[in-house]
Amino acid sequence: MSASSTVSPANALRAAVHAALIADASLTAALGGPRIHDVPPASPEFPYVTLGEAQVIDWSTATETGHEHRLTLNVWSRQGGHGEAHHLAHLVQAVLHDQPLALDGHLLVNLRATSAEIRREAGGRTYRALLRLRAVTETG
């Protein structure tokens, strides 16, 4: 990344994750369209995916500037039971786990899906899969 670049590693990673999810034909077909949102819509169509919380930790060495990222993605479903949420979580993980995403101004060292948790939300109609990812980036 040049000294004049203004794209943070966190924003570059988030944009690359969003682009990879939108570009995956199997995932968008299972969602019924490109329903991957950085900001959840006020009245979303189910099922859909949202990019959630992020934590960025300095991962620099004596010679390289780097960051560790912990990302949470949410898969939302109202299909009866856990089945659809599990299936969609699997598709999201397949798109991202160990994939060499291109980041604007940064290098992706690795990207790993570390856990998935499927739960029924309050009210009982909505299921949410919380997917946790870990990535390491370096200044490129």
N, C-alpha and C. Protein backbone atom coordinates (compact mmCIF):
# COMPACT_ATOMS: atom_id res chain seq x y z
N MET A 1 0.86 -1.17 0.00
CA MET A 1 0.00 0.00 0.00
C MET A 1 0.89 1.22 0.00
N SER A 2 0.60 2.16 -0.82
CA SER A 2 1.38 3.39 -0.84
C SER A 2 1.02 4.26 0.35
N ALA A 3 1.90 5.17 0.69
CA ALA A 3 1.66 6.04 1.83
C ALA A 3 0.41 6.89 1.63
N SER A 4 -0.01 7.11 0.38
CA SER A 4 -1.16 7.96 0.13
C SER A 4 -2.48 7.20 0.15
N SER A 5 -2.45 5.85 0.23
CA SER A 5 -3.67 5.06 0.22
C SER A 5 -4.46 5.29 1.50
N THR A 6 -5.78 5.35 1.36
CA THR A 6 -6.63 5.59 2.53
C THR A 6 -7.48 4.37 2.87
N VAL A 7 -7.28 3.25 2.19
CA VAL A 7 -8.07 2.06 2.46
C VAL A 7 -7.45 1.32 3.64
N SER A 8 -8.20 1.25 4.73
CA SER A 8 -7.70 0.53 5.90
C SER A 8 -7.71 -0.97 5.61
N PRO A 9 -6.88 -1.74 6.28
CA PRO A 9 -6.91 -3.18 6.07
C PRO A 9 -8.26 -3.79 6.43
N ALA A 10 -8.91 -3.27 7.45
CA ALA A 10 -10.23 -3.78 7.84
C ALA A 10 -11.27 -3.53 6.75
N ASN A 11 -11.27 -2.33 6.18
CA ASN A 11 -12.22 -2.02 5.11
C ASN A 11 -11.91 -2.80 3.84
N ALA A 12 -10.63 -2.98 3.54
CA ALA A 12 -10.24 -3.76 2.36
C ALA A 12 -10.69 -5.21 2.51
N LEU A 13 -10.50 -5.78 3.70
CA LEU A 13 -10.92 -7.17 3.93
C LEU A 13 -12.43 -7.29 3.86
N ARG A 14 -13.14 -6.39 4.48
CA ARG A 14 -14.60 -6.43 4.48
C ARG A 14 -15.15 -6.33 3.05
N ALA A 15 -14.58 -5.45 2.25
CA ALA A 15 -15.02 -5.30 0.85
C ALA A 15 -14.74 -6.57 0.06
N ALA A 16 -13.58 -7.20 0.28
CA ALA A 16 -13.24 -8.43 -0.43
C ALA A 16 -14.15 -9.58 -0.03
N VAL A 17 -14.47 -9.69 1.25
CA VAL A 17 -15.39 -10.73 1.73
C VAL A 17 -16.76 -10.52 1.09
N HIS A 18 -17.26 -9.29 1.11
CA HIS A 18 -18.56 -8.99 0.52
C HIS A 18 -18.57 -9.35 -0.97
N ALA A 19 -17.54 -8.94 -1.69
CA ALA A 19 -17.46 -9.20 -3.13
C ALA A 19 -17.42 -10.70 -3.41
N ALA A 20 -16.66 -11.46 -2.61
CA ALA A 20 -16.57 -12.91 -2.82
C ALA A 20 -17.92 -13.59 -2.59
N LEU A 21 -18.64 -13.16 -1.57
CA LEU A 21 -19.95 -13.74 -1.29
C LEU A 21 -20.96 -13.42 -2.39
N ILE A 22 -20.98 -12.17 -2.83
CA ILE A 22 -21.91 -11.75 -3.90
C ILE A 22 -21.61 -12.49 -5.20
N ALA A 23 -20.34 -12.77 -5.46
CA ALA A 23 -19.93 -13.39 -6.73
C ALA A 23 -20.19 -14.90 -6.78
N ASP A 24 -20.49 -15.52 -5.64
CA ASP A 24 -20.65 -16.97 -5.63
C ASP A 24 -22.06 -17.37 -6.06
N ALA A 25 -22.16 -18.06 -7.19
CA ALA A 25 -23.46 -18.41 -7.77
C ALA A 25 -24.25 -19.37 -6.89
N SER A 26 -23.58 -20.34 -6.27
CA SER A 26 -24.30 -21.29 -5.41
C SER A 26 -24.92 -20.60 -4.20
N LEU A 27 -24.16 -19.70 -3.59
CA LEU A 27 -24.67 -18.98 -2.43
C LEU A 27 -25.81 -18.06 -2.81
N THR A 28 -25.64 -17.26 -3.86
CA THR A 28 -26.71 -16.33 -4.23
C THR A 28 -27.97 -17.09 -4.67
N ALA A 29 -27.81 -18.25 -5.30
CA ALA A 29 -28.98 -19.06 -5.68
C ALA A 29 -29.69 -19.56 -4.43
N ALA A 30 -28.94 -20.03 -3.45
CA ALA A 30 -29.54 -20.54 -2.21
C ALA A 30 -30.23 -19.42 -1.42
N LEU A 31 -29.72 -18.20 -1.54
CA LEU A 31 -30.32 -17.06 -0.86
C LEU A 31 -31.51 -16.49 -1.63
N GLY A 32 -31.65 -16.87 -2.88
CA GLY A 32 -32.72 -16.31 -3.72
C GLY A 32 -32.33 -14.98 -4.32
N GLY A 33 -31.04 -14.68 -4.37
CA GLY A 33 -30.53 -13.42 -4.92
C GLY A 33 -29.31 -12.97 -4.13
N PRO A 34 -28.73 -11.85 -4.52
CA PRO A 34 -27.52 -11.37 -3.84
C PRO A 34 -27.84 -10.67 -2.52
N ARG A 35 -28.34 -11.43 -1.58
CA ARG A 35 -28.79 -10.89 -0.30
C ARG A 35 -27.68 -10.93 0.74
N ILE A 36 -26.61 -10.24 0.44
CA ILE A 36 -25.48 -10.12 1.36
C ILE A 36 -25.35 -8.63 1.67
N HIS A 37 -25.51 -8.27 2.95
CA HIS A 37 -25.60 -6.86 3.32
C HIS A 37 -24.53 -6.48 4.35
N ASP A 38 -23.93 -5.33 4.12
CA ASP A 38 -23.05 -4.76 5.14
C ASP A 38 -23.91 -4.08 6.20
N VAL A 39 -24.92 -3.38 5.76
CA VAL A 39 -25.90 -2.76 6.65
C VAL A 39 -27.21 -3.50 6.44
N PRO A 40 -27.75 -4.15 7.47
CA PRO A 40 -28.99 -4.90 7.29
C PRO A 40 -30.13 -3.99 6.83
N PRO A 41 -30.91 -4.44 5.87
CA PRO A 41 -32.05 -3.64 5.42
C PRO A 41 -33.14 -3.59 6.49
N ALA A 42 -33.95 -2.55 6.44
CA ALA A 42 -35.02 -2.38 7.43
C ALA A 42 -36.04 -3.51 7.35
N SER A 43 -36.36 -3.95 6.14
CA SER A 43 -37.32 -5.05 5.94
C SER A 43 -36.69 -6.08 5.02
N PRO A 44 -35.80 -6.92 5.55
CA PRO A 44 -35.06 -7.84 4.69
C PRO A 44 -35.93 -8.99 4.18
N GLU A 45 -35.52 -9.51 3.02
CA GLU A 45 -36.10 -10.75 2.51
C GLU A 45 -35.25 -11.88 3.05
N PHE A 46 -35.88 -12.90 3.58
CA PHE A 46 -35.17 -14.05 4.13
C PHE A 46 -34.99 -15.10 3.04
N PRO A 47 -33.92 -15.86 3.08
CA PRO A 47 -32.75 -15.76 3.96
C PRO A 47 -31.80 -14.68 3.45
N TYR A 48 -30.88 -14.26 4.32
CA TYR A 48 -29.88 -13.28 3.93
C TYR A 48 -28.66 -13.39 4.84
N VAL A 49 -27.60 -12.70 4.44
CA VAL A 49 -26.33 -12.69 5.17
C VAL A 49 -25.98 -11.25 5.51
N THR A 50 -25.49 -11.03 6.72
CA THR A 50 -24.98 -9.71 7.09
C THR A 50 -23.54 -9.83 7.57
N LEU A 51 -22.75 -8.82 7.24
CA LEU A 51 -21.40 -8.71 7.77
C LEU A 51 -21.53 -8.07 9.14
N GLY A 52 -21.03 -8.73 10.15
CA GLY A 52 -21.22 -8.28 11.52
C GLY A 52 -20.01 -7.62 12.11
N GLU A 53 -19.81 -7.89 13.39
CA GLU A 53 -18.75 -7.25 14.16
C GLU A 53 -17.37 -7.63 13.63
N ALA A 54 -16.42 -6.75 13.91
CA ALA A 54 -15.04 -6.99 13.52
C ALA A 54 -14.13 -6.52 14.65
N GLN A 55 -13.06 -7.24 14.82
CA GLN A 55 -12.01 -6.86 15.76
C GLN A 55 -10.71 -6.88 14.99
N VAL A 56 -9.90 -5.84 15.15
CA VAL A 56 -8.62 -5.74 14.46
C VAL A 56 -7.53 -5.62 15.52
N ILE A 57 -6.51 -6.47 15.40
CA ILE A 57 -5.42 -6.53 16.37
C ILE A 57 -4.10 -6.34 15.62
N ASP A 58 -3.21 -5.55 16.18
CA ASP A 58 -1.90 -5.34 15.57
C ASP A 58 -1.16 -6.67 15.50
N TRP A 59 -0.64 -6.99 14.34
CA TRP A 59 0.06 -8.24 14.10
C TRP A 59 1.40 -7.94 13.43
N SER A 60 1.93 -6.76 13.68
CA SER A 60 3.15 -6.31 13.02
C SER A 60 4.37 -7.04 13.56
N THR A 61 5.37 -7.14 12.69
CA THR A 61 6.66 -7.67 13.08
C THR A 61 7.68 -6.53 13.00
N ALA A 62 8.92 -6.85 13.21
CA ALA A 62 9.96 -5.82 13.12
C ALA A 62 10.10 -5.26 11.71
N THR A 63 9.68 -6.05 10.70
CA THR A 63 9.88 -5.62 9.32
C THR A 63 8.59 -5.44 8.52
N GLU A 64 7.47 -5.97 9.00
CA GLU A 64 6.20 -5.91 8.25
C GLU A 64 5.09 -5.34 9.12
N THR A 65 4.22 -4.55 8.49
CA THR A 65 3.02 -4.07 9.17
C THR A 65 1.90 -5.06 8.88
N GLY A 66 1.29 -5.58 9.93
CA GLY A 66 0.23 -6.56 9.74
C GLY A 66 -0.87 -6.42 10.76
N HIS A 67 -1.99 -7.09 10.45
CA HIS A 67 -3.16 -7.05 11.33
C HIS A 67 -3.83 -8.42 11.36
N GLU A 68 -4.30 -8.78 12.54
CA GLU A 68 -5.16 -9.95 12.68
C GLU A 68 -6.59 -9.42 12.76
N HIS A 69 -7.47 -10.06 12.02
CA HIS A 69 -8.88 -9.66 11.97
C HIS A 69 -9.73 -10.81 12.45
N ARG A 70 -10.67 -10.50 13.29
CA ARG A 70 -11.68 -11.47 13.71
C ARG A 70 -13.03 -10.93 13.27
N LEU A 71 -13.64 -11.63 12.33
CA LEU A 71 -14.90 -11.18 11.72
C LEU A 71 -16.04 -12.10 12.12
N THR A 72 -17.21 -11.53 12.25
CA THR A 72 -18.42 -12.31 12.46
C THR A 72 -19.37 -12.03 11.30
N LEU A 73 -19.85 -13.09 10.68
CA LEU A 73 -20.88 -13.00 9.67
C LEU A 73 -22.13 -13.65 10.24
N ASN A 74 -23.28 -13.15 9.84
CA ASN A 74 -24.56 -13.68 10.32
C ASN A 74 -25.37 -14.16 9.13
N VAL A 75 -25.87 -15.38 9.23
CA VAL A 75 -26.78 -15.93 8.24
C VAL A 75 -28.15 -16.00 8.90
N TRP A 76 -29.14 -15.40 8.27
CA TRP A 76 -30.49 -15.30 8.84
C TRP A 76 -31.45 -16.14 8.01
N SER A 77 -32.26 -16.95 8.69
CA SER A 77 -33.21 -17.83 8.02
C SER A 77 -34.52 -17.86 8.78
N ARG A 78 -35.60 -18.03 8.03
CA ARG A 78 -36.91 -18.26 8.65
C ARG A 78 -37.53 -19.56 8.14
N GLN A 79 -36.71 -20.35 7.47
CA GLN A 79 -37.15 -21.67 7.03
C GLN A 79 -37.26 -22.55 8.27
N GLY A 80 -38.27 -23.37 8.38
CA GLY A 80 -38.48 -24.17 9.57
C GLY A 80 -37.25 -24.97 9.99
N GLY A 81 -36.88 -24.89 11.23
CA GLY A 81 -35.76 -25.64 11.77
C GLY A 81 -34.41 -25.05 11.43
N HIS A 82 -33.39 -25.79 11.83
CA HIS A 82 -32.01 -25.34 11.65
C HIS A 82 -31.43 -25.63 10.26
N GLY A 83 -32.11 -26.47 9.48
CA GLY A 83 -31.55 -26.98 8.23
C GLY A 83 -31.05 -25.92 7.27
N GLU A 84 -31.86 -24.93 6.96
CA GLU A 84 -31.45 -23.90 6.01
C GLU A 84 -30.29 -23.09 6.55
N ALA A 85 -30.32 -22.75 7.83
CA ALA A 85 -29.23 -21.98 8.43
C ALA A 85 -27.92 -22.76 8.35
N HIS A 86 -27.96 -24.06 8.63
CA HIS A 86 -26.75 -24.89 8.53
C HIS A 86 -26.25 -24.94 7.09
N HIS A 87 -27.15 -25.15 6.15
CA HIS A 87 -26.76 -25.23 4.74
C HIS A 87 -26.12 -23.93 4.26
N LEU A 88 -26.75 -22.81 4.58
CA LEU A 88 -26.21 -21.52 4.15
C LEU A 88 -24.88 -21.22 4.83
N ALA A 89 -24.76 -21.57 6.11
CA ALA A 89 -23.49 -21.38 6.81
C ALA A 89 -22.38 -22.17 6.13
N HIS A 90 -22.68 -23.38 5.72
CA HIS A 90 -21.70 -24.21 5.02
C HIS A 90 -21.28 -23.54 3.70
N LEU A 91 -22.24 -23.02 2.95
CA LEU A 91 -21.92 -22.36 1.68
C LEU A 91 -21.03 -21.13 1.90
N VAL A 92 -21.35 -20.32 2.91
CA VAL A 92 -20.55 -19.13 3.21
C VAL A 92 -19.13 -19.54 3.57
N GLN A 93 -18.99 -20.54 4.42
CA GLN A 93 -17.65 -20.99 4.81
C GLN A 93 -16.88 -21.50 3.61
N ALA A 94 -17.54 -22.22 2.71
CA ALA A 94 -16.87 -22.74 1.52
C ALA A 94 -16.35 -21.62 0.61
N VAL A 95 -17.09 -20.53 0.55
CA VAL A 95 -16.67 -19.39 -0.29
C VAL A 95 -15.41 -18.73 0.28
N LEU A 96 -15.29 -18.69 1.61
CA LEU A 96 -14.25 -17.86 2.23
C LEU A 96 -13.06 -18.63 2.81
N HIS A 97 -13.26 -19.82 3.32
CA HIS A 97 -12.21 -20.55 4.04
C HIS A 97 -11.00 -20.83 3.13
N ASP A 98 -9.85 -20.34 3.55
CA ASP A 98 -8.58 -20.55 2.84
C ASP A 98 -8.56 -20.00 1.42
N GLN A 99 -9.40 -19.04 1.13
CA GLN A 99 -9.43 -18.48 -0.22
C GLN A 99 -8.49 -17.28 -0.33
N PRO A 100 -7.82 -17.15 -1.47
CA PRO A 100 -6.86 -16.05 -1.67
C PRO A 100 -7.54 -14.77 -2.18
N LEU A 101 -8.32 -14.12 -1.35
CA LEU A 101 -9.04 -12.93 -1.78
C LEU A 101 -8.06 -11.79 -2.06
N ALA A 102 -8.39 -11.00 -3.06
CA ALA A 102 -7.58 -9.82 -3.40
C ALA A 102 -8.09 -8.64 -2.59
N LEU A 103 -7.19 -7.99 -1.85
CA LEU A 103 -7.53 -6.84 -1.03
C LEU A 103 -6.92 -5.58 -1.63
N ASP A 104 -7.66 -4.50 -1.60
CA ASP A 104 -7.20 -3.22 -2.11
C ASP A 104 -6.11 -2.66 -1.19
N GLY A 105 -4.87 -2.65 -1.68
CA GLY A 105 -3.77 -2.04 -0.94
C GLY A 105 -3.16 -2.90 0.14
N HIS A 106 -3.62 -4.14 0.29
CA HIS A 106 -3.12 -5.03 1.34
C HIS A 106 -3.01 -6.44 0.81
N LEU A 107 -2.25 -7.27 1.51
CA LEU A 107 -2.11 -8.67 1.15
C LEU A 107 -2.81 -9.52 2.19
N LEU A 108 -3.58 -10.49 1.73
CA LEU A 108 -4.23 -11.43 2.63
C LEU A 108 -3.28 -12.60 2.84
N VAL A 109 -2.81 -12.77 4.07
CA VAL A 109 -1.91 -13.88 4.40
C VAL A 109 -2.71 -15.16 4.55
N ASN A 110 -3.81 -15.10 5.29
CA ASN A 110 -4.71 -16.25 5.39
C ASN A 110 -6.09 -15.80 5.85
N LEU A 111 -7.05 -16.67 5.58
CA LEU A 111 -8.44 -16.44 5.97
C LEU A 111 -9.02 -17.80 6.33
N ARG A 112 -9.45 -17.94 7.57
CA ARG A 112 -9.94 -19.23 8.06
C ARG A 112 -11.29 -19.07 8.73
N ALA A 113 -12.19 -19.98 8.43
CA ALA A 113 -13.44 -20.08 9.17
C ALA A 113 -13.11 -20.83 10.45
N THR A 114 -13.35 -20.22 11.60
CA THR A 114 -12.94 -20.82 12.86
C THR A 114 -14.08 -21.46 13.63
N SER A 115 -15.31 -20.97 13.46
CA SER A 115 -16.43 -21.59 14.16
C SER A 115 -17.76 -21.16 13.55
N ALA A 116 -18.77 -21.97 13.84
CA ALA A 116 -20.14 -21.66 13.43
C ALA A 116 -21.06 -22.05 14.58
N GLU A 117 -22.00 -21.20 14.86
CA GLU A 117 -22.97 -21.45 15.93
C GLU A 117 -24.36 -21.15 15.36
N ILE A 118 -25.24 -22.14 15.40
CA ILE A 118 -26.60 -21.97 14.89
C ILE A 118 -27.53 -21.85 16.08
N ARG A 119 -28.37 -20.82 16.08
CA ARG A 119 -29.29 -20.65 17.21
C ARG A 119 -30.63 -20.10 16.72
N ARG A 120 -31.65 -20.41 17.51
CA ARG A 120 -32.97 -19.85 17.26
C ARG A 120 -33.07 -18.55 18.03
N GLU A 121 -33.50 -17.51 17.34
CA GLU A 121 -33.62 -16.20 17.96
C GLU A 121 -34.91 -16.11 18.78
N ALA A 122 -34.99 -15.10 19.64
CA ALA A 122 -36.19 -14.87 20.44
C ALA A 122 -37.40 -14.77 19.51
N GLY A 123 -38.48 -15.35 19.92
CA GLY A 123 -39.69 -15.34 19.10
C GLY A 123 -39.87 -16.66 18.35
N GLY A 124 -38.77 -17.39 18.14
CA GLY A 124 -38.83 -18.72 17.58
C GLY A 124 -38.94 -18.86 16.08
N ARG A 125 -39.16 -17.80 15.33
CA ARG A 125 -39.31 -17.90 13.87
C ARG A 125 -37.99 -17.80 13.13
N THR A 126 -37.04 -17.09 13.69
CA THR A 126 -35.81 -16.78 12.98
C THR A 126 -34.64 -17.59 13.55
N TYR A 127 -33.86 -18.14 12.63
CA TYR A 127 -32.63 -18.82 13.00
C TYR A 127 -31.45 -18.00 12.51
N ARG A 128 -30.39 -17.99 13.33
CA ARG A 128 -29.19 -17.24 12.95
C ARG A 128 -27.97 -18.14 13.10
N ALA A 129 -27.17 -18.15 12.06
CA ALA A 129 -25.87 -18.81 12.12
C ALA A 129 -24.82 -17.72 12.31
N LEU A 130 -24.07 -17.80 13.39
CA LEU A 130 -22.97 -16.88 13.64
C LEU A 130 -21.69 -17.56 13.16
N LEU A 131 -21.08 -16.99 12.14
CA LEU A 131 -19.85 -17.55 11.58
C LEU A 131 -18.69 -16.66 11.99
N ARG A 132 -17.68 -17.26 12.54
CA ARG A 132 -16.51 -16.49 12.94
C ARG A 132 -15.35 -16.84 12.04
N LEU A 133 -14.67 -15.79 11.58
CA LEU A 133 -13.53 -15.93 10.68
C LEU A 133 -12.33 -15.24 11.30
N ARG A 134 -11.15 -15.74 10.97
CA ARG A 134 -9.89 -15.11 11.38
C ARG A 134 -9.07 -14.89 10.13
N ALA A 135 -8.56 -13.68 9.98
CA ALA A 135 -7.72 -13.35 8.83
C ALA A 135 -6.48 -12.62 9.32
N VAL A 136 -5.41 -12.74 8.56
CA VAL A 136 -4.20 -11.97 8.80
C VAL A 136 -3.87 -11.24 7.51
N THR A 137 -3.63 -9.94 7.62
CA THR A 137 -3.26 -9.12 6.47
C THR A 137 -1.93 -8.44 6.72
N GLU A 138 -1.27 -8.13 5.62
CA GLU A 138 -0.03 -7.33 5.67
C GLU A 138 -0.19 -6.17 4.70
N THR A 139 0.56 -5.12 4.97
CA THR A 139 0.56 -4.00 4.05
C THR A 139 1.23 -4.45 2.76
N GLY A 140 0.57 -4.14 1.63
CA GLY A 140 1.09 -4.62 0.35
C GLY A 140 1.61 -3.52 -0.53
